[in-house]
Amino acid sequence: MARVIVDVMLKPEILDPQGQAIARALPRLGFSGVAAVRQGKRFEVELDGPADDAALEEVRKMAETLLANTVIEDYSVRVEG
């Protein structure tokens, strides 16, 4: 059994209003030194078998089909542990 992580983030050229709201709130909460915040999503996919090349390709297909909107989001796939 393996765990694969899919991180999804808005593409750099896409405006991130939620990230901007977080960045504006941080100083009000006493945090300083933060220039910018980008908000994203993390998916943990538990596989029945090993995270071999075929399984990782299936996870990439999942990301392209359902987990990420590839028009406005980028994604990365990595094996945890």
C-alpha atoms as a PDB file:
ATOM      1  CA  MET A   1       0.000   0.000   0.000  1.00  0.00           C
ATOM      2  CA  ALA A   2       1.314   3.434  -0.898  1.00  0.00           C
ATOM      3  CA  ARG A   3       0.196   7.008  -0.350  1.00  0.00           C
ATOM      4  CA  VAL A   4       0.465   9.484  -3.215  1.00  0.00           C
ATOM      5  CA  ILE A   5       0.090  13.224  -2.652  1.00  0.00           C
ATOM      6  CA  VAL A   6      -1.412  15.494  -5.301  1.00  0.00           C
ATOM      7  CA  ASP A   7      -0.831  19.196  -4.651  1.00  0.00           C
ATOM      8  CA  VAL A   8      -2.992  21.579  -6.688  1.00  0.00           C
ATOM      9  CA  MET A   9      -2.240  25.312  -6.922  1.00  0.00           C
ATOM     10  CA  LEU A  10      -3.592  28.137  -9.018  1.00  0.00           C
ATOM     11  CA  LYS A  11      -1.279  28.998 -11.889  1.00  0.00           C
ATOM     12  CA  PRO A  12       0.932  32.004 -11.054  1.00  0.00           C
ATOM     13  CA  GLU A  13      -0.882  34.275 -13.517  1.00  0.00           C
ATOM     14  CA  ILE A  14      -4.299  33.547 -11.949  1.00  0.00           C
ATOM     15  CA  LEU A  15      -5.536  35.952  -9.263  1.00  0.00           C
ATOM     16  CA  ASP A  16      -5.877  34.295  -5.843  1.00  0.00           C
ATOM     17  CA  PRO A  17      -8.374  36.348  -3.802  1.00  0.00           C
ATOM     18  CA  GLN A  18      -8.439  33.845  -0.931  1.00  0.00           C
ATOM     19  CA  GLY A  19      -4.656  33.938  -0.648  1.00  0.00           C
ATOM     20  CA  GLN A  20      -4.741  37.736  -0.726  1.00  0.00           C
ATOM     21  CA  ALA A  21      -7.361  37.825   2.043  1.00  0.00           C
ATOM     22  CA  ILE A  22      -5.185  35.546   4.181  1.00  0.00           C
ATOM     23  CA  ALA A  23      -2.125  37.731   3.529  1.00  0.00           C
ATOM     24  CA  ARG A  24      -4.053  40.834   4.619  1.00  0.00           C
ATOM     25  CA  ALA A  25      -5.352  39.111   7.767  1.00  0.00           C
ATOM     26  CA  LEU A  26      -1.983  37.877   9.020  1.00  0.00           C
ATOM     27  CA  PRO A  27      -0.652  41.289  10.184  1.00  0.00           C
ATOM     28  CA  ARG A  28      -3.920  41.926  12.046  1.00  0.00           C
ATOM     29  CA  LEU A  29      -3.322  38.660  13.893  1.00  0.00           C
ATOM     30  CA  GLY A  30       0.208  39.654  14.859  1.00  0.00           C
ATOM     31  CA  PHE A  31       2.170  37.865  12.129  1.00  0.00           C
ATOM     32  CA  SER A  32       4.748  39.836  10.162  1.00  0.00           C
ATOM     33  CA  GLY A  33       7.229  39.271   7.367  1.00  0.00           C
ATOM     34  CA  VAL A  34       4.820  37.578   4.934  1.00  0.00           C
ATOM     35  CA  ALA A  35       5.017  39.044   1.439  1.00  0.00           C
ATOM     36  CA  ALA A  36       2.309  36.913  -0.210  1.00  0.00           C
ATOM     37  CA  VAL A  37       0.111  33.847   0.290  1.00  0.00           C
ATOM     38  CA  ARG A  38      -1.203  31.425  -2.346  1.00  0.00           C
ATOM     39  CA  GLN A  39      -3.977  29.023  -1.345  1.00  0.00           C
ATOM     40  CA  GLY A  40      -4.139  25.500  -2.774  1.00  0.00           C
ATOM     41  CA  LYS A  41      -5.475  21.976  -2.288  1.00  0.00           C
ATOM     42  CA  ARG A  42      -3.843  18.722  -1.181  1.00  0.00           C
ATOM     43  CA  PHE A  43      -5.208  15.275  -1.992  1.00  0.00           C
ATOM     44  CA  GLU A  44      -3.938  12.064  -0.378  1.00  0.00           C
ATOM     45  CA  VAL A  45      -4.563   9.011  -2.550  1.00  0.00           C
ATOM     46  CA  GLU A  46      -4.115   5.604  -0.906  1.00  0.00           C
ATOM     47  CA  LEU A  47      -3.210   2.948  -3.466  1.00  0.00           C
ATOM     48  CA  ASP A  48      -3.945  -0.763  -3.084  1.00  0.00           C
ATOM     49  CA  GLY A  49      -0.498  -1.671  -4.365  1.00  0.00           C
ATOM     50  CA  PRO A  50       2.892  -0.067  -4.872  1.00  0.00           C
ATOM     51  CA  ALA A  51       3.385   3.404  -6.327  1.00  0.00           C
ATOM     52  CA  ASP A  52       5.031   2.162  -9.506  1.00  0.00           C
ATOM     53  CA  ASP A  53       5.105   4.074 -12.797  1.00  0.00           C
ATOM     54  CA  ALA A  54       1.735   2.709 -13.942  1.00  0.00           C
ATOM     55  CA  ALA A  55       0.032   3.649 -10.668  1.00  0.00           C
ATOM     56  CA  LEU A  56       1.521   7.147 -10.723  1.00  0.00           C
ATOM     57  CA  GLU A  57       0.309   7.603 -14.284  1.00  0.00           C
ATOM     58  CA  GLU A  58      -3.208   6.672 -13.117  1.00  0.00           C
ATOM     59  CA  VAL A  59      -2.990   9.268 -10.336  1.00  0.00           C
ATOM     60  CA  ARG A  60      -1.880  11.875 -12.906  1.00  0.00           C
ATOM     61  CA  LYS A  61      -4.961  10.983 -14.985  1.00  0.00           C
ATOM     62  CA  MET A  62      -7.112  11.426 -11.849  1.00  0.00           C
ATOM     63  CA  ALA A  63      -5.574  14.846 -11.310  1.00  0.00           C
ATOM     64  CA  GLU A  64      -6.153  15.915 -14.920  1.00  0.00           C
ATOM     65  CA  THR A  65      -9.704  14.555 -14.981  1.00  0.00           C
ATOM     66  CA  LEU A  66     -11.109  15.453 -11.564  1.00  0.00           C
ATOM     67  CA  LEU A  67      -8.738  16.855  -8.964  1.00  0.00           C
ATOM     68  CA  ALA A  68      -7.397  19.894 -10.847  1.00  0.00           C
ATOM     69  CA  ASN A  69      -8.883  22.359 -13.295  1.00  0.00           C
ATOM     70  CA  THR A  70      -5.884  22.395 -15.611  1.00  0.00           C
ATOM     71  CA  VAL A  71      -7.040  25.581 -17.308  1.00  0.00           C
ATOM     72  CA  ILE A  72      -6.308  27.608 -14.175  1.00  0.00           C
ATOM     73  CA  GLU A  73      -4.445  25.176 -11.888  1.00  0.00           C
ATOM     74  CA  ASP A  74      -1.133  23.310 -11.887  1.00  0.00           C
ATOM     75  CA  TYR A  75      -0.626  20.069 -10.012  1.00  0.00           C
ATOM     76  CA  SER A  76       2.230  17.905  -8.810  1.00  0.00           C
ATOM     77  CA  VAL A  77       2.241  14.225  -7.873  1.00  0.00           C
ATOM     78  CA  ARG A  78       4.617  12.703  -5.340  1.00  0.00           C
ATOM     79  CA  VAL A  79       4.878   9.547  -3.281  1.00  0.00           C
ATOM     80  CA  GLU A  80       4.811  10.119   0.476  1.00  0.00           C
ATOM     81  CA  GLY A  81       7.390   8.319   2.564  1.00  0.00           C
END
